[in-house]
Amino acid sequence: MDIRQLRYFICIVELKSFSKAAEQLGIAQSALSFHVRNMEADLGAKLLARNSRGVTPTEAGKTLFEHAGTVLRQLAQIRDEIRGQEDNPRGLVTVGVPSSVSMVLTVPLIEAVQEEFPNISLHVVETMSGFLEEWVRNGRLDLAILYNAEVVESLLAEPVLNEELYLIAPAEERYRKRKTVKFSQLPNFPLILPGRPHGLRMLIDSYATKHDITLNVKVELDALPQIKALVSKGIGYSILAPAAVSEELKEGGLSALRIIDPAISRSVALVSSTQRTLPRAGETVSRAIVSIARQLVEEGTWPGKLINGMSRRT
């Protein structure tokens, strides 16, 4: 295998077509097929399969696709870091954020990076925390926002804030006037929560188990926009961080009641892998994320309590 073949293979998988990949790459389809056959011969495994949906990777192909993307991205980082030794950092930086954090952080982060560091290309990925942790470890992400990262091994974590979870309710007058709800009262509310092993659900369940409370979970749904839509229609309630519903609270579409006795809290940290050195552009984006997050907390856009300190897990 060589770098060119890896690029060809990624293009075929992404476009699900030899002909489309050949057109985009500007080479003959026969030449593209020849390179794939050589790779399969070299690896001793079939990499691609043709079916009614076009071209899809086999299990071996999926493995190659994952590693090929990491290899090419690392090569690009090497090139960008060497080229970016001057004062103005340059290169691609990939950042992963949970959906609830994306609501408040993504737009100001992109705006700040584009304005202050125009030679840095920012790729923001929004998904579940469990995926983010894995992708930082295997090199698909340079940086990620994680919850309770102090228990995550092989990651360098910079704590940013602690945030509490609230009971999210419909936009009714009785909930707008009511500021808090006791944890012991949560069984009275039919809940719409993510299913296990979603980190939020596991945190909530751990509190319930610790305090010998059985929650009334009516719907399990791993989609934040749909959870908020169902709550707004009065179908149920949810338990979320205020940042996840910041726009709805501002517009009066939802209500939020602080959970007390006890409060449910979690730490929020910026993490990177201890197994890789961040390129200069990555370090620049890391500082920008921490700075913007702290600013959002101080101005009240991201409800939480600032914390300081750096921890390394091995």
C-alpha atoms as a PDB file:
ATOM      1  CA  MET A   1       0.000   0.000   0.000  1.00  0.00           C
ATOM      2  CA  ASP A   2       0.993   3.612  -0.458  1.00  0.00           C
ATOM      3  CA  ILE A   3      -0.548   6.972   0.433  1.00  0.00           C
ATOM      4  CA  ARG A   4      -2.082   7.413  -3.002  1.00  0.00           C
ATOM      5  CA  GLN A   5      -3.900   4.095  -2.747  1.00  0.00           C
ATOM      6  CA  LEU A   6      -5.253   5.008   0.690  1.00  0.00           C
ATOM      7  CA  ARG A   7      -6.650   8.258  -0.731  1.00  0.00           C
ATOM      8  CA  TYR A   8      -8.253   6.353  -3.606  1.00  0.00           C
ATOM      9  CA  PHE A   9      -9.796   3.816  -1.246  1.00  0.00           C
ATOM     10  CA  ILE A  10     -11.263   6.476   1.056  1.00  0.00           C
ATOM     11  CA  CYS A  11     -12.797   8.283  -1.913  1.00  0.00           C
ATOM     12  CA  ILE A  12     -14.471   5.088  -3.188  1.00  0.00           C
ATOM     13  CA  VAL A  13     -15.938   4.287   0.242  1.00  0.00           C
ATOM     14  CA  GLU A  14     -17.180   7.828   0.803  1.00  0.00           C
ATOM     15  CA  LEU A  15     -18.818   8.093  -2.632  1.00  0.00           C
ATOM     16  CA  LYS A  16     -19.978   4.426  -2.659  1.00  0.00           C
ATOM     17  CA  SER A  17     -19.029   4.230  -6.332  1.00  0.00           C
ATOM     18  CA  PHE A  18     -15.983   3.445  -8.473  1.00  0.00           C
ATOM     19  CA  SER A  19     -17.223   5.644 -11.316  1.00  0.00           C
ATOM     20  CA  LYS A  20     -17.921   8.679  -9.113  1.00  0.00           C
ATOM     21  CA  ALA A  21     -14.581   8.267  -7.345  1.00  0.00           C
ATOM     22  CA  ALA A  22     -12.752   7.994 -10.654  1.00  0.00           C
ATOM     23  CA  GLU A  23     -14.443  11.186 -11.870  1.00  0.00           C
ATOM     24  CA  GLN A  24     -13.619  13.095  -8.691  1.00  0.00           C
ATOM     25  CA  LEU A  25     -10.011  11.868  -8.605  1.00  0.00           C
ATOM     26  CA  GLY A  26      -9.510  12.487 -12.311  1.00  0.00           C
ATOM     27  CA  ILE A  27      -8.273   8.990 -13.148  1.00  0.00           C
ATOM     28  CA  ALA A  28      -9.632   6.105 -15.222  1.00  0.00           C
ATOM     29  CA  GLN A  29     -12.019   3.736 -13.482  1.00  0.00           C
ATOM     30  CA  SER A  30      -9.934   0.797 -14.678  1.00  0.00           C
ATOM     31  CA  ALA A  31      -6.855   2.276 -12.982  1.00  0.00           C
ATOM     32  CA  LEU A  32      -8.836   2.721  -9.781  1.00  0.00           C
ATOM     33  CA  SER A  33      -9.980  -0.899  -9.859  1.00  0.00           C
ATOM     34  CA  PHE A  34      -6.379  -1.972 -10.483  1.00  0.00           C
ATOM     35  CA  HIS A  35      -5.180  -0.163  -7.347  1.00  0.00           C
ATOM     36  CA  VAL A  36      -7.914  -1.753  -5.229  1.00  0.00           C
ATOM     37  CA  ARG A  37      -7.025  -5.233  -6.516  1.00  0.00           C
ATOM     38  CA  ASN A  38      -3.384  -4.606  -5.635  1.00  0.00           C
ATOM     39  CA  MET A  39      -4.359  -3.538  -2.112  1.00  0.00           C
ATOM     40  CA  GLU A  40      -6.537  -6.629  -1.665  1.00  0.00           C
ATOM     41  CA  ALA A  41      -3.702  -8.841  -2.877  1.00  0.00           C
ATOM     42  CA  ASP A  42      -1.246  -7.127  -0.563  1.00  0.00           C
ATOM     43  CA  LEU A  43      -3.542  -7.475   2.461  1.00  0.00           C
ATOM     44  CA  GLY A  44      -4.931 -10.889   1.579  1.00  0.00           C
ATOM     45  CA  ALA A  45      -8.525  -9.762   2.119  1.00  0.00           C
ATOM     46  CA  LYS A  46     -11.447  -8.499   0.059  1.00  0.00           C
ATOM     47  CA  LEU A  47     -12.006  -4.817   0.836  1.00  0.00           C
ATOM     48  CA  LEU A  48     -15.063  -3.774  -1.175  1.00  0.00           C
ATOM     49  CA  ALA A  49     -18.331  -5.406  -2.175  1.00  0.00           C
ATOM     50  CA  ARG A  50     -20.764  -4.324  -4.887  1.00  0.00           C
ATOM     51  CA  ASN A  51     -24.498  -4.480  -4.120  1.00  0.00           C
ATOM     52  CA  SER A  52     -27.771  -2.664  -4.871  1.00  0.00           C
ATOM     53  CA  ARG A  53     -26.629   0.311  -2.803  1.00  0.00           C
ATOM     54  CA  GLY A  54     -23.423   0.688  -4.773  1.00  0.00           C
ATOM     55  CA  VAL A  55     -20.018  -0.139  -3.299  1.00  0.00           C
ATOM     56  CA  THR A  56     -19.711  -0.860   0.418  1.00  0.00           C
ATOM     57  CA  PRO A  57     -16.680  -1.865   2.498  1.00  0.00           C
ATOM     58  CA  THR A  58     -16.360  -5.378   3.881  1.00  0.00           C
ATOM     59  CA  GLU A  59     -15.375  -5.829   7.542  1.00  0.00           C
ATOM     60  CA  ALA A  60     -11.729  -5.718   6.462  1.00  0.00           C
ATOM     61  CA  GLY A  61     -12.528  -2.653   4.353  1.00  0.00           C
ATOM     62  CA  LYS A  62     -14.120  -0.890   7.325  1.00  0.00           C
ATOM     63  CA  THR A  63     -10.980  -1.496   9.354  1.00  0.00           C
ATOM     64  CA  LEU A  64      -8.793  -0.130   6.572  1.00  0.00           C
ATOM     65  CA  PHE A  65     -11.078   2.891   6.095  1.00  0.00           C
ATOM     66  CA  GLU A  66     -10.835   3.833   9.772  1.00  0.00           C
ATOM     67  CA  HIS A  67      -7.048   3.535   9.914  1.00  0.00           C
ATOM     68  CA  ALA A  68      -6.506   5.121   6.499  1.00  0.00           C
ATOM     69  CA  GLY A  69      -8.342   8.267   7.592  1.00  0.00           C
ATOM     70  CA  THR A  70      -6.183   8.506  10.715  1.00  0.00           C
ATOM     71  CA  VAL A  71      -2.959   7.986   8.739  1.00  0.00           C
ATOM     72  CA  LEU A  72      -3.795  10.616   6.135  1.00  0.00           C
ATOM     73  CA  ARG A  73      -4.882  13.116   8.764  1.00  0.00           C
ATOM     74  CA  GLN A  74      -1.671  12.613  10.730  1.00  0.00           C
ATOM     75  CA  LEU A  75       0.403  13.095   7.583  1.00  0.00           C
ATOM     76  CA  ALA A  76      -1.513  16.298   6.875  1.00  0.00           C
ATOM     77  CA  GLN A  77      -0.822  17.469  10.414  1.00  0.00           C
ATOM     78  CA  ILE A  78       2.891  16.809   9.996  1.00  0.00           C
ATOM     79  CA  ARG A  79       2.922  18.859   6.809  1.00  0.00           C
ATOM     80  CA  ASP A  80       0.834  21.661   8.313  1.00  0.00           C
ATOM     81  CA  GLU A  81       2.878  21.791  11.506  1.00  0.00           C
ATOM     82  CA  ILE A  82       6.167  22.046   9.607  1.00  0.00           C
ATOM     83  CA  ARG A  83       4.707  24.708   7.327  1.00  0.00           C
ATOM     84  CA  GLY A  84       3.176  26.471  10.319  1.00  0.00           C
ATOM     85  CA  GLN A  85       6.325  27.179  12.264  1.00  0.00           C
ATOM     86  CA  GLU A  86       5.825  30.863  11.611  1.00  0.00           C
ATOM     87  CA  ASP A  87       3.871  33.073  14.032  1.00  0.00           C
ATOM     88  CA  ASN A  88       0.524  32.340  12.406  1.00  0.00           C
ATOM     89  CA  PRO A  89      -0.477  28.687  13.101  1.00  0.00           C
ATOM     90  CA  ARG A  90      -2.075  26.716  10.294  1.00  0.00           C
ATOM     91  CA  GLY A  91      -3.574  23.301   9.662  1.00  0.00           C
ATOM     92  CA  LEU A  92      -6.661  21.167  10.304  1.00  0.00           C
ATOM     93  CA  VAL A  93      -7.903  20.704  13.884  1.00  0.00           C
ATOM     94  CA  THR A  94     -10.738  18.293  14.649  1.00  0.00           C
ATOM     95  CA  VAL A  95     -12.838  18.937  17.750  1.00  0.00           C
ATOM     96  CA  GLY A  96     -15.591  16.730  19.157  1.00  0.00           C
ATOM     97  CA  VAL A  97     -18.450  18.098  21.257  1.00  0.00           C
ATOM     98  CA  PRO A  98     -21.550  16.532  22.821  1.00  0.00           C
ATOM     99  CA  SER A  99     -24.850  17.870  21.489  1.00  0.00           C
ATOM    100  CA  SER A 100     -25.660  19.777  24.676  1.00  0.00           C
ATOM    101  CA  VAL A 101     -22.315  21.600  24.562  1.00  0.00           C
ATOM    102  CA  SER A 102     -22.597  22.281  20.842  1.00  0.00           C
ATOM    103  CA  MET A 103     -25.675  24.417  21.515  1.00  0.00           C
ATOM    104  CA  VAL A 104     -23.591  27.082  23.266  1.00  0.00           C
ATOM    105  CA  LEU A 105     -19.966  26.547  22.203  1.00  0.00           C
ATOM    106  CA  THR A 106     -19.739  25.687  18.507  1.00  0.00           C
ATOM    107  CA  VAL A 107     -20.810  28.978  16.911  1.00  0.00           C
ATOM    108  CA  PRO A 108     -18.667  31.316  19.076  1.00  0.00           C
ATOM    109  CA  LEU A 109     -15.693  28.941  18.710  1.00  0.00           C
ATOM    110  CA  ILE A 110     -15.886  28.858  14.918  1.00  0.00           C
ATOM    111  CA  GLU A 111     -16.334  32.636  14.777  1.00  0.00           C
ATOM    112  CA  ALA A 112     -13.312  33.229  17.026  1.00  0.00           C
ATOM    113  CA  VAL A 113     -11.014  30.835  15.153  1.00  0.00           C
ATOM    114  CA  GLN A 114     -11.956  32.232  11.742  1.00  0.00           C
ATOM    115  CA  GLU A 115     -11.384  35.797  12.903  1.00  0.00           C
ATOM    116  CA  GLU A 116      -8.170  35.298  14.900  1.00  0.00           C
ATOM    117  CA  PHE A 117      -6.542  32.318  13.156  1.00  0.00           C
ATOM    118  CA  PRO A 118      -7.648  32.309   9.506  1.00  0.00           C
ATOM    119  CA  ASN A 119      -5.058  29.681   8.528  1.00  0.00           C
ATOM    120  CA  ILE A 120      -6.543  27.090  10.883  1.00  0.00           C
ATOM    121  CA  SER A 121      -9.242  24.843   9.421  1.00  0.00           C
ATOM    122  CA  LEU A 122     -11.678  23.720  12.104  1.00  0.00           C
ATOM    123  CA  HIS A 123     -13.698  20.501  11.829  1.00  0.00           C
ATOM    124  CA  VAL A 124     -16.286  20.216  14.616  1.00  0.00           C
ATOM    125  CA  VAL A 125     -17.954  16.832  15.180  1.00  0.00           C
ATOM    126  CA  GLU A 126     -21.134  16.639  17.259  1.00  0.00           C
ATOM    127  CA  THR A 127     -22.001  13.226  18.717  1.00  0.00           C
ATOM    128  CA  MET A 128     -22.361  11.193  21.929  1.00  0.00           C
ATOM    129  CA  SER A 129     -19.636  11.390  24.584  1.00  0.00           C
ATOM    130  CA  GLY A 130     -18.839   7.679  24.312  1.00  0.00           C
ATOM    131  CA  PHE A 131     -17.848   8.062  20.665  1.00  0.00           C
ATOM    132  CA  LEU A 132     -15.825  11.190  21.407  1.00  0.00           C
ATOM    133  CA  GLU A 133     -13.735   9.418  24.027  1.00  0.00           C
ATOM    134  CA  GLU A 134     -12.917   6.581  21.639  1.00  0.00           C
ATOM    135  CA  TRP A 135     -12.149   8.907  18.738  1.00  0.00           C
ATOM    136  CA  VAL A 136      -9.711  10.997  20.772  1.00  0.00           C
ATOM    137  CA  ARG A 137      -7.897   7.811  21.738  1.00  0.00           C
ATOM    138  CA  ASN A 138      -7.616   6.451  18.187  1.00  0.00           C
ATOM    139  CA  GLY A 139      -6.579   9.794  16.686  1.00  0.00           C
ATOM    140  CA  ARG A 140      -9.729  10.688  14.769  1.00  0.00           C
ATOM    141  CA  LEU A 141     -10.128  13.765  16.984  1.00  0.00           C
ATOM    142  CA  ASP A 142      -7.469  16.151  18.261  1.00  0.00           C
ATOM    143  CA  LEU A 143      -9.633  17.549  21.051  1.00  0.00           C
ATOM    144  CA  ALA A 144     -12.992  16.819  22.632  1.00  0.00           C
ATOM    145  CA  ILE A 145     -15.293  18.058  25.360  1.00  0.00           C
ATOM    146  CA  LEU A 146     -16.083  15.237  27.790  1.00  0.00           C
ATOM    147  CA  TYR A 147     -18.074  14.892  30.991  1.00  0.00           C
ATOM    148  CA  ASN A 148     -16.442  13.527  34.158  1.00  0.00           C
ATOM    149  CA  ALA A 149     -13.157  13.071  32.300  1.00  0.00           C
ATOM    150  CA  GLU A 150     -11.236  12.547  35.537  1.00  0.00           C
ATOM    151  CA  VAL A 151     -12.183   8.853  35.336  1.00  0.00           C
ATOM    152  CA  VAL A 152     -11.062   8.454  31.707  1.00  0.00           C
ATOM    153  CA  GLU A 153      -7.689   6.788  31.170  1.00  0.00           C
ATOM    154  CA  SER A 154      -5.054   7.770  28.586  1.00  0.00           C
ATOM    155  CA  LEU A 155      -6.397  11.306  28.256  1.00  0.00           C
ATOM    156  CA  LEU A 156      -5.065  14.676  29.289  1.00  0.00           C
ATOM    157  CA  ALA A 157      -7.977  16.599  30.793  1.00  0.00           C
ATOM    158  CA  GLU A 158      -8.295  20.307  31.514  1.00  0.00           C
ATOM    159  CA  PRO A 159     -11.362  20.847  33.744  1.00  0.00           C
ATOM    160  CA  VAL A 160     -13.391  23.877  32.722  1.00  0.00           C
ATOM    161  CA  LEU A 161     -16.612  23.898  34.730  1.00  0.00           C
ATOM    162  CA  ASN A 162     -19.104  21.966  36.806  1.00  0.00           C
ATOM    163  CA  GLU A 163     -22.685  22.086  35.577  1.00  0.00           C
ATOM    164  CA  GLU A 164     -25.874  20.951  37.289  1.00  0.00           C
ATOM    165  CA  LEU A 165     -28.719  19.102  35.617  1.00  0.00           C
ATOM    166  CA  TYR A 166     -32.270  20.478  35.660  1.00  0.00           C
ATOM    167  CA  LEU A 167     -35.729  18.997  35.242  1.00  0.00           C
ATOM    168  CA  ILE A 168     -36.882  20.261  31.839  1.00  0.00           C
ATOM    169  CA  ALA A 169     -40.633  20.906  31.690  1.00  0.00           C
ATOM    170  CA  PRO A 170     -43.155  22.410  29.264  1.00  0.00           C
ATOM    171  CA  ALA A 171     -43.496  26.183  29.069  1.00  0.00           C
ATOM    172  CA  GLU A 172     -46.365  26.407  31.551  1.00  0.00           C
ATOM    173  CA  GLU A 173     -46.879  29.157  34.097  1.00  0.00           C
ATOM    174  CA  ARG A 174     -46.723  26.746  37.045  1.00  0.00           C
ATOM    175  CA  TYR A 175     -43.239  25.651  36.027  1.00  0.00           C
ATOM    176  CA  ARG A 176     -42.018  29.141  35.212  1.00  0.00           C
ATOM    177  CA  LYS A 177     -42.880  30.234  38.752  1.00  0.00           C
ATOM    178  CA  ARG A 178     -41.392  27.122  40.326  1.00  0.00           C
ATOM    179  CA  LYS A 179     -37.602  27.376  40.544  1.00  0.00           C
ATOM    180  CA  THR A 180     -36.633  24.000  42.065  1.00  0.00           C
ATOM    181  CA  VAL A 181     -37.707  20.388  42.443  1.00  0.00           C
ATOM    182  CA  LYS A 182     -36.427  17.920  45.013  1.00  0.00           C
ATOM    183  CA  PHE A 183     -34.681  14.806  43.747  1.00  0.00           C
ATOM    184  CA  SER A 184     -37.144  12.684  45.762  1.00  0.00           C
ATOM    185  CA  GLN A 185     -39.999  14.187  43.720  1.00  0.00           C
ATOM    186  CA  LEU A 186     -38.626  13.075  40.320  1.00  0.00           C
ATOM    187  CA  PRO A 187     -40.631   9.790  40.283  1.00  0.00           C
ATOM    188  CA  ASN A 188     -43.746  11.963  39.985  1.00  0.00           C
ATOM    189  CA  PHE A 189     -42.670  13.067  36.492  1.00  0.00           C
ATOM    190  CA  PRO A 190     -42.857  10.780  33.411  1.00  0.00           C
ATOM    191  CA  LEU A 191     -39.371  11.126  31.967  1.00  0.00           C
ATOM    192  CA  ILE A 192     -37.975  11.099  28.447  1.00  0.00           C
ATOM    193  CA  LEU A 193     -34.288  10.149  28.745  1.00  0.00           C
ATOM    194  CA  PRO A 194     -31.513   8.690  26.585  1.00  0.00           C
ATOM    195  CA  GLY A 195     -31.061   4.942  26.909  1.00  0.00           C
ATOM    196  CA  ARG A 196     -28.084   3.253  28.509  1.00  0.00           C
ATOM    197  CA  PRO A 197     -25.116   3.357  28.020  1.00  0.00           C
ATOM    198  CA  HIS A 198     -25.524   7.075  27.254  1.00  0.00           C
ATOM    199  CA  GLY A 199     -23.376   8.957  29.770  1.00  0.00           C
ATOM    200  CA  LEU A 200     -26.201  11.269  30.857  1.00  0.00           C
ATOM    201  CA  ARG A 201     -28.517   8.336  31.560  1.00  0.00           C
ATOM    202  CA  MET A 202     -25.864   6.458  33.505  1.00  0.00           C
ATOM    203  CA  LEU A 203     -25.168   9.528  35.638  1.00  0.00           C
ATOM    204  CA  ILE A 204     -28.862  10.025  36.423  1.00  0.00           C
ATOM    205  CA  ASP A 205     -29.339   6.321  37.179  1.00  0.00           C
ATOM    206  CA  SER A 206     -26.335   6.308  39.512  1.00  0.00           C
ATOM    207  CA  TYR A 207     -27.868   9.135  41.550  1.00  0.00           C
ATOM    208  CA  ALA A 208     -31.221   7.334  41.647  1.00  0.00           C
ATOM    209  CA  THR A 209     -29.607   4.075  42.797  1.00  0.00           C
ATOM    210  CA  LYS A 210     -27.534   5.837  45.439  1.00  0.00           C
ATOM    211  CA  HIS A 211     -30.642   7.482  46.904  1.00  0.00           C
ATOM    212  CA  ASP A 212     -32.892   4.413  46.486  1.00  0.00           C
ATOM    213  CA  ILE A 213     -35.271   6.110  44.054  1.00  0.00           C
ATOM    214  CA  THR A 214     -36.994   4.502  41.060  1.00  0.00           C
ATOM    215  CA  LEU A 215     -37.439   6.976  38.229  1.00  0.00           C
ATOM    216  CA  ASN A 216     -40.517   6.932  36.002  1.00  0.00           C
ATOM    217  CA  VAL A 217     -38.834   6.592  32.584  1.00  0.00           C
ATOM    218  CA  LYS A 218     -41.603   6.433  29.973  1.00  0.00           C
ATOM    219  CA  VAL A 219     -39.571   6.976  26.794  1.00  0.00           C
ATOM    220  CA  GLU A 220     -35.932   6.259  25.934  1.00  0.00           C
ATOM    221  CA  LEU A 221     -34.663   8.441  23.101  1.00  0.00           C
ATOM    222  CA  ASP A 222     -31.084   9.162  22.038  1.00  0.00           C
ATOM    223  CA  ALA A 223     -31.881  12.334  20.103  1.00  0.00           C
ATOM    224  CA  LEU A 224     -31.702  15.699  21.849  1.00  0.00           C
ATOM    225  CA  PRO A 225     -33.859  17.731  19.408  1.00  0.00           C
ATOM    226  CA  GLN A 226     -36.664  15.169  19.592  1.00  0.00           C
ATOM    227  CA  ILE A 227     -36.471  14.992  23.394  1.00  0.00           C
ATOM    228  CA  LYS A 228     -36.923  18.756  23.574  1.00  0.00           C
ATOM    229  CA  ALA A 229     -39.772  18.666  21.057  1.00  0.00           C
ATOM    230  CA  LEU A 230     -41.659  16.017  23.055  1.00  0.00           C
ATOM    231  CA  VAL A 231     -41.230  17.936  26.294  1.00  0.00           C
ATOM    232  CA  SER A 232     -42.447  21.154  24.691  1.00  0.00           C
ATOM    233  CA  LYS A 233     -45.610  19.309  23.588  1.00  0.00           C
ATOM    234  CA  GLY A 234     -46.278  18.171  27.144  1.00  0.00           C
ATOM    235  CA  ILE A 235     -45.684  14.480  26.433  1.00  0.00           C
ATOM    236  CA  GLY A 236     -43.156  14.169  29.252  1.00  0.00           C
ATOM    237  CA  TYR A 237     -40.219  15.724  31.077  1.00  0.00           C
ATOM    238  CA  SER A 238     -36.480  15.324  30.781  1.00  0.00           C
ATOM    239  CA  ILE A 239     -33.307  15.893  32.804  1.00  0.00           C
ATOM    240  CA  LEU A 240     -30.748  17.984  30.966  1.00  0.00           C
ATOM    241  CA  ALA A 241     -28.138  20.659  31.460  1.00  0.00           C
ATOM    242  CA  PRO A 242     -29.499  24.195  30.925  1.00  0.00           C
ATOM    243  CA  ALA A 243     -26.969  24.668  28.103  1.00  0.00           C
ATOM    244  CA  ALA A 244     -28.816  22.016  26.093  1.00  0.00           C
ATOM    245  CA  VAL A 245     -32.019  24.083  26.140  1.00  0.00           C
ATOM    246  CA  SER A 246     -30.544  27.583  26.210  1.00  0.00           C
ATOM    247  CA  GLU A 247     -32.396  28.808  23.117  1.00  0.00           C
ATOM    248  CA  GLU A 248     -35.714  27.297  24.203  1.00  0.00           C
ATOM    249  CA  LEU A 249     -35.424  28.861  27.659  1.00  0.00           C
ATOM    250  CA  LYS A 250     -34.565  32.226  26.130  1.00  0.00           C
ATOM    251  CA  GLU A 251     -37.545  32.061  23.758  1.00  0.00           C
ATOM    252  CA  GLY A 252     -39.938  30.756  26.417  1.00  0.00           C
ATOM    253  CA  GLY A 253     -40.474  27.384  24.745  1.00  0.00           C
ATOM    254  CA  LEU A 254     -39.446  25.307  27.775  1.00  0.00           C
ATOM    255  CA  SER A 255     -39.052  25.643  31.541  1.00  0.00           C
ATOM    256  CA  ALA A 256     -36.171  24.444  33.738  1.00  0.00           C
ATOM    257  CA  LEU A 257     -36.347  23.535  37.424  1.00  0.00           C
ATOM    258  CA  ARG A 258     -33.107  23.119  39.380  1.00  0.00           C
ATOM    259  CA  ILE A 259     -32.890  19.683  41.009  1.00  0.00           C
ATOM    260  CA  ILE A 260     -31.968  19.900  44.711  1.00  0.00           C
ATOM    261  CA  ASP A 261     -31.447  17.621  47.744  1.00  0.00           C
ATOM    262  CA  PRO A 262     -29.250  16.457  46.089  1.00  0.00           C
ATOM    263  CA  ALA A 263     -28.260  18.366  42.974  1.00  0.00           C
ATOM    264  CA  ILE A 264     -27.072  16.285  40.009  1.00  0.00           C
ATOM    265  CA  SER A 265     -23.770  17.688  38.777  1.00  0.00           C
ATOM    266  CA  ARG A 266     -21.028  16.713  36.354  1.00  0.00           C
ATOM    267  CA  SER A 267     -17.655  18.146  35.386  1.00  0.00           C
ATOM    268  CA  VAL A 268     -16.925  19.374  31.872  1.00  0.00           C
ATOM    269  CA  ALA A 269     -13.358  19.128  30.569  1.00  0.00           C
ATOM    270  CA  LEU A 270     -11.367  19.615  27.391  1.00  0.00           C
ATOM    271  CA  VAL A 271      -9.374  16.458  26.633  1.00  0.00           C
ATOM    272  CA  SER A 272      -6.646  15.283  24.285  1.00  0.00           C
ATOM    273  CA  SER A 273      -4.691  12.040  24.023  1.00  0.00           C
ATOM    274  CA  THR A 274      -1.600  11.456  26.141  1.00  0.00           C
ATOM    275  CA  GLN A 275      -0.259   9.281  23.319  1.00  0.00           C
ATOM    276  CA  ARG A 276       0.106  12.106  20.792  1.00  0.00           C
ATOM    277  CA  THR A 277       1.523  15.601  20.810  1.00  0.00           C
ATOM    278  CA  LEU A 278      -0.949  18.250  19.718  1.00  0.00           C
ATOM    279  CA  PRO A 279       0.211  20.187  16.648  1.00  0.00           C
ATOM    280  CA  ARG A 280       0.684  23.908  17.106  1.00  0.00           C
ATOM    281  CA  ALA A 281      -2.705  24.649  15.568  1.00  0.00           C
ATOM    282  CA  GLY A 282      -4.289  22.178  17.995  1.00  0.00           C
ATOM    283  CA  GLU A 283      -2.719  23.905  20.981  1.00  0.00           C
ATOM    284  CA  THR A 284      -4.033  27.227  19.682  1.00  0.00           C
ATOM    285  CA  VAL A 285      -7.580  25.897  19.326  1.00  0.00           C
ATOM    286  CA  SER A 286      -7.327  24.278  22.764  1.00  0.00           C
ATOM    287  CA  ARG A 287      -6.574  27.628  24.377  1.00  0.00           C
ATOM    288  CA  ALA A 288      -9.385  29.242  22.418  1.00  0.00           C
ATOM    289  CA  ILE A 289     -11.911  26.627  23.585  1.00  0.00           C
ATOM    290  CA  VAL A 290     -11.018  27.074  27.240  1.00  0.00           C
ATOM    291  CA  SER A 291     -11.081  30.857  26.950  1.00  0.00           C
ATOM    292  CA  ILE A 292     -14.449  30.946  25.168  1.00  0.00           C
ATOM    293  CA  ALA A 293     -15.993  28.395  27.545  1.00  0.00           C
ATOM    294  CA  ARG A 294     -14.934  30.412  30.566  1.00  0.00           C
ATOM    295  CA  GLN A 295     -16.281  33.583  28.980  1.00  0.00           C
ATOM    296  CA  LEU A 296     -19.629  31.879  28.297  1.00  0.00           C
ATOM    297  CA  VAL A 297     -19.835  30.772  31.935  1.00  0.00           C
ATOM    298  CA  GLU A 298     -18.950  34.217  33.268  1.00  0.00           C
ATOM    299  CA  GLU A 299     -21.610  35.915  31.148  1.00  0.00           C
ATOM    300  CA  GLY A 300     -24.233  33.304  32.095  1.00  0.00           C
ATOM    301  CA  THR A 301     -24.684  31.825  28.609  1.00  0.00           C
ATOM    302  CA  TRP A 302     -23.322  28.485  29.831  1.00  0.00           C
ATOM    303  CA  PRO A 303     -24.691  27.956  33.367  1.00  0.00           C
ATOM    304  CA  GLY A 304     -22.040  26.410  35.588  1.00  0.00           C
ATOM    305  CA  LYS A 305     -19.239  26.963  38.069  1.00  0.00           C
ATOM    306  CA  LEU A 306     -15.697  27.483  36.767  1.00  0.00           C
ATOM    307  CA  ILE A 307     -12.961  25.124  37.930  1.00  0.00           C
ATOM    308  CA  ASN A 308      -9.205  25.077  37.369  1.00  0.00           C
ATOM    309  CA  GLY A 309      -6.476  22.504  37.039  1.00  0.00           C
ATOM    310  CA  MET A 310      -5.027  19.920  34.681  1.00  0.00           C
ATOM    311  CA  SER A 311      -5.030  16.160  35.255  1.00  0.00           C
ATOM    312  CA  ARG A 312      -3.247  13.394  33.346  1.00  0.00           C
ATOM    313  CA  ARG A 313      -4.420   9.801  33.234  1.00  0.00           C
ATOM    314  CA  THR A 314      -2.099   7.023  32.049  1.00  0.00           C
END
